[in-house]
């Protein structure tokens, strides 16, 4: 009769050695398979800043929304709207700086999304230095998983040069089409409309120049970058009242109405002010805004619109929004405007005076204006 052998008993030093080896191997395996920790870094083509965990699960649900911010100061409610509509998931902040610099403060928006406006699962800031960044798989993956996006200020010409015709352009349009929120301030606001002023000549166009010649080389307009619903007939402008930009917005609208879109209208946002557009195409000035928003459209085509000649337009409709107003982007109109009227422009200036005369043009640019 055959009997099975009894298992070998491990005692003493042999047992302790085997236990140590098993524990070491488990720890080593865990370290080798753990997800990498995301950190700030600088690539030759872009800088990257991160707070939170970009590899964690994102939002279960997002809600459409477009936050239009005039620059010159933050409106906290606009950023909270982005975080909330992004389901407190992953937020990506985009900037563009052509000099290749690495400024640690560029990550401040991410910290604020985490600690003031969120919290969010993660906030990643990508600072583009050139067009090559728009093809980098790391950049594209961050945009694909973004639940919300914010376009910061700076120079909108960089956004145009770096993004147009690249996967970044496609991903931004797909992001909003998927009912995910987006916002932009200053230069970021400038490119959110279907039409945009690009500042591609390197300057910042003054109203007196645009009114004196709507075909001046500084009138650089774009119509094929971002295509968001409810903004398909809109050109935006920032720092509106403080920099007297009504005149240049009138010139932009006159050009676009004559050449591309008879239903186009302009939307100017004052400094430290923001409008939130919802999925019905209704926009409202957010709490904390210190200024207004302005809707500009032509009631009739400009009667003089030619290279080298000052603009002449007899019926320019202007409506100002305050906290009690609603912007209806489907109709290009304001419900309960704080002020409204029709002005005429002759020889490049307003014929008469109106409630908007003070922001039509200026002769001197402040030396401390960026």
Protein backbone atom coordinates (compact mmCIF):
# COMPACT_ATOMS: atom_id res chain seq x y z
CA UNK A 1 0.00 0.00 0.00
CA UNK A 2 1.36 3.33 -0.97
CA UNK A 3 1.09 6.33 1.33
CA UNK A 4 1.37 10.02 0.29
CA UNK A 5 4.19 12.08 1.73
CA UNK A 6 3.41 14.77 4.28
CA UNK A 7 4.08 18.36 3.11
CA UNK A 8 7.35 19.85 4.14
CA UNK A 9 6.97 22.24 7.09
CA UNK A 10 8.79 25.55 6.69
CA UNK A 11 10.08 26.91 9.93
CA UNK A 12 12.74 29.19 11.24
CA UNK A 13 15.12 31.03 8.90
CA UNK A 14 13.86 29.34 5.73
CA UNK A 15 10.27 30.49 6.34
CA UNK A 16 11.36 34.04 7.08
CA UNK A 17 13.50 34.20 3.93
CA UNK A 18 10.70 32.95 1.72
CA UNK A 19 8.20 35.41 3.20
CA UNK A 20 10.60 38.31 2.61
CA UNK A 21 11.16 37.26 -1.00
CA UNK A 22 7.44 37.02 -1.71
CA UNK A 23 6.74 40.42 -0.14
CA UNK A 24 9.61 42.04 -2.09
CA UNK A 25 8.31 40.64 -5.37
CA UNK A 26 4.78 41.89 -4.71
CA UNK A 27 5.99 45.43 -3.91
CA UNK A 28 8.27 45.41 -6.95
CA UNK A 29 5.40 44.28 -9.19
CA UNK A 30 3.08 46.97 -7.79
CA UNK A 31 5.70 49.68 -8.37
CA UNK A 32 6.32 48.50 -11.90
CA UNK A 33 2.63 48.43 -12.83
CA UNK A 34 1.45 51.59 -11.00
CA UNK A 35 0.15 54.43 -13.17
CA UNK A 36 2.75 57.18 -13.66
CA UNK A 37 2.26 60.40 -11.75
CA UNK A 38 1.57 63.38 -14.05
CA UNK A 39 4.04 66.23 -13.59
CA UNK A 40 4.79 69.63 -15.11
CA UNK A 41 7.34 69.55 -17.90
CA UNK A 42 8.64 71.49 -20.89
CA UNK A 43 8.77 70.07 -24.38
CA UNK A 44 10.50 72.00 -27.20
CA UNK A 45 7.08 72.61 -28.75
CA UNK A 46 4.90 73.22 -25.70
CA UNK A 47 4.88 73.61 -21.93
CA UNK A 48 2.69 71.43 -19.72
CA UNK A 49 1.26 72.01 -16.25
CA UNK A 50 -1.07 69.70 -14.34
CA UNK A 51 -3.05 69.49 -11.12
CA UNK A 52 -5.05 66.42 -10.16
CA UNK A 53 -5.02 63.09 -11.98
CA UNK A 54 -5.62 63.26 -15.75
CA UNK A 55 -5.78 59.45 -15.94
CA UNK A 56 -8.65 59.13 -13.46
CA UNK A 57 -12.20 58.59 -14.75
CA UNK A 58 -13.75 61.79 -16.09
CA UNK A 59 -17.27 63.20 -15.93
CA UNK A 60 -20.28 60.93 -16.21
CA UNK A 61 -22.17 63.72 -17.97
CA UNK A 62 -21.36 67.12 -19.49
CA UNK A 63 -23.61 70.03 -20.47
CA UNK A 64 -23.22 72.38 -23.45
CA UNK A 65 -22.18 75.93 -22.64
CA UNK A 66 -20.01 78.68 -24.10
CA UNK A 67 -18.52 81.27 -21.73
CA UNK A 68 -17.65 84.51 -23.54
CA UNK A 69 -15.26 86.58 -21.40
CA UNK A 70 -14.08 90.09 -22.22
CA UNK A 71 -10.70 89.91 -20.48
CA UNK A 72 -9.14 92.46 -18.17
CA UNK A 73 -10.10 90.49 -15.06
CA UNK A 74 -11.63 87.16 -14.11
CA UNK A 75 -15.34 86.58 -13.66
CA UNK A 76 -15.44 83.66 -11.25
CA UNK A 77 -18.95 82.60 -12.25
CA UNK A 78 -17.79 81.99 -15.83
CA UNK A 79 -15.09 79.56 -14.70
CA UNK A 80 -17.45 77.87 -12.25
CA UNK A 81 -19.89 77.39 -15.13
CA UNK A 82 -17.20 75.63 -17.16
CA UNK A 83 -16.27 73.36 -14.23
CA UNK A 84 -19.90 72.57 -13.40
CA UNK A 85 -20.96 71.91 -16.99
CA UNK A 86 -17.84 69.76 -17.40
CA UNK A 87 -19.23 67.53 -14.65
CA UNK A 88 -16.25 68.48 -12.45
CA UNK A 89 -14.20 66.16 -14.66
CA UNK A 90 -11.11 66.95 -16.73
CA UNK A 91 -10.52 70.58 -17.74
CA UNK A 92 -7.88 71.59 -20.30
CA UNK A 93 -6.57 75.16 -20.49
CA UNK A 94 -4.93 76.25 -23.74
CA UNK A 95 -2.49 79.13 -24.23
CA UNK A 96 -0.06 80.13 -26.97
CA UNK A 97 3.29 81.87 -26.48
CA UNK A 98 5.57 82.10 -29.50
CA UNK A 99 8.83 82.76 -27.64
CA UNK A 100 9.12 79.25 -26.15
CA UNK A 101 9.26 80.56 -22.57
CA UNK A 102 8.40 78.46 -19.51
CA UNK A 103 6.47 80.56 -17.01
CA UNK A 104 5.34 78.67 -13.87
CA UNK A 105 2.43 81.08 -13.42
CA UNK A 106 0.90 79.70 -16.64
CA UNK A 107 -0.33 76.86 -14.43
CA UNK A 108 -2.33 79.19 -12.19
CA UNK A 109 -5.61 78.63 -14.03
CA UNK A 110 -5.29 74.92 -13.34
CA UNK A 111 -4.76 75.52 -9.63
CA UNK A 112 -7.79 77.82 -9.56
CA UNK A 113 -10.00 75.27 -11.34
CA UNK A 114 -8.99 72.74 -8.68
CA UNK A 115 -9.20 74.94 -5.59
CA UNK A 116 -11.58 77.84 -6.38
CA UNK A 117 -13.92 77.01 -9.26
CA UNK A 118 -14.18 73.24 -8.96
CA UNK A 119 -12.98 71.01 -7.65
CA UNK A 120 -12.30 69.09 -10.85
CA UNK A 121 -10.70 65.68 -11.38
CA UNK A 122 -7.79 67.30 -13.20
CA UNK A 123 -6.75 70.55 -14.85
CA UNK A 124 -4.08 70.47 -17.56
CA UNK A 125 -2.55 73.59 -19.06
CA UNK A 126 -0.90 73.35 -22.47
CA UNK A 127 1.08 76.36 -23.68
CA UNK A 128 1.71 76.06 -27.43
CA UNK A 129 5.04 77.37 -28.73
CA UNK A 130 4.59 76.38 -32.36
CA UNK A 131 2.43 74.49 -34.84
CA UNK A 132 4.21 71.18 -34.24
CA UNK A 133 2.53 70.93 -30.83
CA UNK A 134 -0.82 70.58 -32.61
CA UNK A 135 0.26 67.16 -33.86
CA UNK A 136 1.77 65.84 -30.62
CA UNK A 137 -0.06 62.71 -29.38
CA UNK A 138 0.11 63.91 -25.75
CA UNK A 139 -1.62 67.16 -26.61
CA UNK A 140 -4.27 65.45 -28.71
CA UNK A 141 -5.00 62.84 -26.04
CA UNK A 142 -5.52 65.57 -23.42
CA UNK A 143 -8.03 67.28 -25.72
CA UNK A 144 -9.86 64.02 -26.48
CA UNK A 145 -10.49 63.30 -22.80
CA UNK A 146 -11.29 66.93 -21.89
CA UNK A 147 -14.71 67.43 -20.30
CA UNK A 148 -14.27 71.22 -20.47
CA UNK A 149 -11.87 73.58 -22.25
CA UNK A 150 -10.78 77.16 -21.59
CA UNK A 151 -8.88 79.33 -24.09
CA UNK A 152 -6.75 81.90 -22.31
CA UNK A 153 -5.74 85.38 -23.41
CA UNK A 154 -2.63 86.43 -25.27
CA UNK A 155 -2.32 86.79 -29.05
CA UNK A 156 -5.11 85.26 -31.12
CA UNK A 157 -2.86 85.21 -34.18
CA UNK A 158 -0.88 82.44 -32.49
CA UNK A 159 -4.03 80.35 -32.08
CA UNK A 160 -4.81 80.78 -35.77
CA UNK A 161 -1.28 80.00 -36.96
CA UNK A 162 -0.81 76.99 -34.67
CA UNK A 163 -4.27 75.37 -34.94
CA UNK A 164 -5.89 76.00 -38.32
CA UNK A 165 -5.78 72.88 -40.48
CA UNK A 166 -4.50 70.67 -37.63
CA UNK A 167 -6.04 67.97 -35.41
CA UNK A 168 -6.42 70.57 -32.66
CA UNK A 169 -8.91 72.52 -34.79
CA UNK A 170 -10.86 69.31 -35.42
CA UNK A 171 -10.86 68.32 -31.75
CA UNK A 172 -12.07 71.72 -30.55
CA UNK A 173 -15.00 71.62 -32.94
CA UNK A 174 -15.77 68.00 -31.97
CA UNK A 175 -15.59 68.91 -28.27
CA UNK A 176 -18.42 71.43 -28.50
CA UNK A 177 -20.43 69.25 -30.89
CA UNK A 178 -20.36 66.58 -28.15
CA UNK A 179 -22.10 68.99 -25.70
CA UNK A 180 -18.99 69.76 -23.69
CA UNK A 181 -18.43 73.32 -22.40
CA UNK A 182 -15.82 75.76 -23.64
CA UNK A 183 -14.89 79.31 -22.74
CA UNK A 184 -12.47 81.97 -23.85
CA UNK A 185 -11.16 85.27 -22.53
CA UNK A 186 -9.61 88.17 -24.48
CA UNK A 187 -7.68 86.46 -27.30
CA UNK A 188 -9.53 83.26 -26.44
CA UNK A 189 -12.84 85.08 -26.89
CA UNK A 190 -11.69 86.57 -30.20
CA UNK A 191 -11.65 83.18 -31.94
CA UNK A 192 -14.82 81.62 -30.50
CA UNK A 193 -17.17 83.06 -33.11
CA UNK A 194 -17.57 81.65 -36.61
CA UNK A 195 -15.88 84.88 -37.74
CA UNK A 196 -12.91 86.37 -35.91
CA UNK A 197 -10.51 89.28 -35.93
CA UNK A 198 -7.09 87.63 -35.97
CA UNK A 199 -4.62 90.49 -35.38
CA UNK A 200 -2.49 88.61 -37.91
CA UNK A 201 -0.46 91.72 -38.77
CA UNK A 202 0.98 91.79 -35.28
CA UNK A 203 -0.92 94.88 -34.15
CA UNK A 204 -4.13 95.70 -32.32
CA UNK A 205 -6.46 97.53 -34.66
CA UNK A 206 -7.84 100.89 -33.53
CA UNK A 207 -11.43 101.87 -34.34
CA UNK A 208 -10.39 105.11 -36.03
CA UNK A 209 -8.23 103.15 -38.48
CA UNK A 210 -10.94 100.58 -39.29
CA UNK A 211 -13.60 103.27 -39.78
CA UNK A 212 -11.31 105.38 -41.95
CA UNK A 213 -10.61 102.38 -44.21
CA UNK A 214 -12.37 99.04 -43.58
CA UNK A 215 -9.86 97.51 -46.02
CA UNK A 216 -6.80 98.67 -44.12
CA UNK A 217 -4.19 95.85 -43.93
CA UNK A 218 -4.84 95.69 -40.19
CA UNK A 219 -8.42 94.48 -40.76
CA UNK A 220 -7.55 90.79 -40.70
CA UNK A 221 -10.65 88.56 -40.61
CA UNK A 222 -11.01 84.77 -40.44
CA UNK A 223 -14.07 82.62 -41.17
CA UNK A 224 -12.88 79.02 -41.00
CA UNK A 225 -11.39 78.16 -37.62
CA UNK A 226 -14.06 77.29 -35.02
CA UNK A 227 -17.63 76.33 -35.87
CA UNK A 228 -19.84 76.25 -32.78
CA UNK A 229 -23.61 76.18 -32.92
CA UNK A 230 -25.33 79.42 -31.92
CA UNK A 231 -22.18 81.36 -32.88
CA UNK A 232 -22.40 80.63 -36.60
CA UNK A 233 -23.26 84.26 -37.51
CA UNK A 234 -21.14 85.93 -34.81
CA UNK A 235 -17.88 87.86 -34.64
CA UNK A 236 -16.72 88.66 -31.12
CA UNK A 237 -14.59 91.44 -29.67
CA UNK A 238 -13.02 91.87 -26.22
CA UNK A 239 -12.00 94.72 -23.88
CA UNK A 240 -14.87 96.45 -25.61
CA UNK A 241 -15.76 99.68 -23.81
CA UNK A 242 -12.38 100.25 -22.17
CA UNK A 243 -10.59 100.19 -25.54
CA UNK A 244 -13.36 101.91 -27.53
CA UNK A 245 -13.79 99.04 -29.98
CA UNK A 246 -17.31 99.74 -31.20
CA UNK A 247 -16.01 101.44 -34.35
CA UNK A 248 -13.84 98.54 -35.41
CA UNK A 249 -16.61 96.02 -34.71
CA UNK A 250 -18.94 98.04 -36.97
CA UNK A 251 -16.29 97.91 -39.70
CA UNK A 252 -15.87 94.14 -39.23
CA UNK A 253 -19.62 93.57 -39.50
CA UNK A 254 -19.89 95.81 -42.57
CA UNK A 255 -17.14 93.87 -44.35
CA UNK A 256 -18.50 90.45 -43.45
CA UNK A 257 -22.10 91.39 -44.28
CA UNK A 258 -21.07 92.56 -47.74
CA UNK A 259 -18.69 89.72 -48.52
CA UNK A 260 -19.79 86.57 -46.68
CA UNK A 261 -22.89 86.65 -44.46
CA UNK A 262 -25.73 89.16 -44.66
CA UNK A 263 -27.00 88.00 -41.25
CA UNK A 264 -23.71 88.46 -39.38
CA UNK A 265 -23.69 90.43 -36.13
CA UNK A 266 -21.02 91.54 -33.71
CA UNK A 267 -20.86 90.77 -30.00
CA UNK A 268 -18.59 92.93 -27.85
CA UNK A 269 -17.84 91.98 -24.23
CA UNK A 270 -16.56 94.53 -21.73
CA UNK A 271 -13.61 93.95 -19.43
CA UNK A 272 -14.25 91.89 -16.29
CA UNK A 273 -17.54 90.75 -17.82
CA UNK A 274 -18.84 87.46 -19.22
CA UNK A 275 -21.84 86.04 -21.08
CA UNK A 276 -22.82 82.38 -20.76
CA UNK A 277 -24.59 80.83 -23.77
CA UNK A 278 -26.75 77.77 -23.12
CA UNK A 279 -27.92 74.97 -25.40
CA UNK A 280 -30.97 76.95 -26.54
CA UNK A 281 -28.82 79.79 -27.85
CA UNK A 282 -29.75 82.14 -25.01
CA UNK A 283 -26.98 84.18 -23.43
CA UNK A 284 -26.97 86.08 -20.16
CA UNK A 285 -24.49 88.37 -18.43
CA UNK A 286 -23.08 86.49 -15.47
CA UNK A 287 -23.08 87.65 -11.86
CA UNK A 288 -19.88 89.46 -10.98
CA UNK A 289 -19.63 91.18 -14.37
CA UNK A 290 -18.56 94.79 -13.98
CA UNK A 291 -19.52 95.90 -17.48
CA UNK A 292 -21.89 95.02 -20.29
CA UNK A 293 -22.17 93.09 -23.53
CA UNK A 294 -23.04 94.81 -26.81
CA UNK A 295 -24.78 93.49 -29.92
CA UNK A 296 -24.03 95.27 -33.21
CA UNK A 297 -25.64 94.67 -36.60
CA UNK A 298 -26.40 96.58 -39.80
CA UNK A 299 -30.01 97.39 -40.61
CA UNK A 300 -29.00 97.99 -44.23
CA UNK A 301 -25.80 97.41 -46.24
CA UNK A 302 -23.09 100.02 -45.92
CA UNK A 303 -23.49 102.67 -48.62
CA UNK A 304 -19.74 103.29 -48.87
CA UNK A 305 -17.48 100.31 -48.40
CA UNK A 306 -14.37 100.43 -50.55
CA UNK A 307 -10.59 100.26 -50.13
CA UNK A 308 -9.08 103.57 -49.11
CA UNK A 309 -12.43 105.19 -48.31
CA UNK A 310 -14.02 105.90 -44.92
CA UNK A 311 -17.04 103.81 -43.99
CA UNK A 312 -20.53 105.18 -44.56
CA UNK A 313 -23.45 103.26 -43.06
CA UNK A 314 -26.84 104.77 -42.34
CA UNK A 315 -28.42 102.18 -40.04
CA UNK A 316 -26.20 100.55 -37.41
CA UNK A 317 -28.25 98.89 -34.66
CA UNK A 318 -26.67 98.75 -31.19
CA UNK A 319 -28.10 97.01 -28.12
CA UNK A 320 -26.51 96.86 -24.67
CA UNK A 321 -27.05 93.98 -22.25
CA UNK A 322 -27.13 94.18 -18.49
CA UNK A 323 -28.07 91.64 -15.83
CA UNK A 324 -31.77 91.83 -16.76
CA UNK A 325 -31.21 91.23 -20.49
CA UNK A 326 -31.22 88.05 -22.54
CA UNK A 327 -29.21 87.61 -25.71
CA UNK A 328 -31.05 85.55 -28.31
CA UNK A 329 -28.35 84.29 -30.64
CA UNK A 330 -30.85 82.51 -32.87
CA UNK A 331 -32.39 85.85 -33.87
CA UNK A 332 -29.44 88.13 -33.26
CA UNK A 333 -31.44 90.26 -30.84
CA UNK A 334 -31.56 91.30 -27.20
CA UNK A 335 -34.63 90.83 -25.00
CA UNK A 336 -35.01 93.66 -22.47
CA UNK A 337 -31.88 95.59 -23.50
CA UNK A 338 -30.48 98.09 -21.03
CA UNK A 339 -30.17 100.53 -23.95
CA UNK A 340 -30.72 100.36 -27.69
CA UNK A 341 -30.64 102.62 -30.70
CA UNK A 342 -29.64 103.10 -34.31
CA UNK A 343 -26.73 105.29 -35.34
CA UNK A 344 -25.25 106.45 -38.63
CA UNK A 345 -21.59 106.46 -39.62
CA UNK A 346 -20.33 109.04 -42.09
CA UNK A 347 -16.78 109.85 -43.12
CA UNK A 348 -15.56 107.30 -40.63
CA UNK A 349 -17.27 108.77 -37.57
CA UNK A 350 -20.69 108.85 -35.96
CA UNK A 351 -23.22 111.27 -37.41
CA UNK A 352 -24.60 112.86 -34.27
CA UNK A 353 -24.35 111.44 -30.76
CA UNK A 354 -25.86 108.45 -28.98
CA UNK A 355 -25.61 106.41 -25.80
CA UNK A 356 -22.70 104.55 -27.45
CA UNK A 357 -20.71 107.58 -28.65
CA UNK A 358 -18.13 107.28 -25.90
CA UNK A 359 -16.92 103.85 -27.00
CA UNK A 360 -16.89 104.42 -30.77
CA UNK A 361 -13.25 105.45 -31.21
CA UNK A 362 -10.27 106.95 -29.42
CA UNK A 363 -7.29 108.98 -30.54
CA UNK A 364 -4.68 107.91 -27.96
CA UNK A 365 -3.70 104.44 -26.78
CA UNK A 366 -2.72 104.29 -23.08
CA UNK A 367 1.00 103.54 -22.69
CA UNK A 368 0.35 100.75 -20.13
CA UNK A 369 -2.08 98.83 -22.34
CA UNK A 370 -0.85 95.37 -23.25
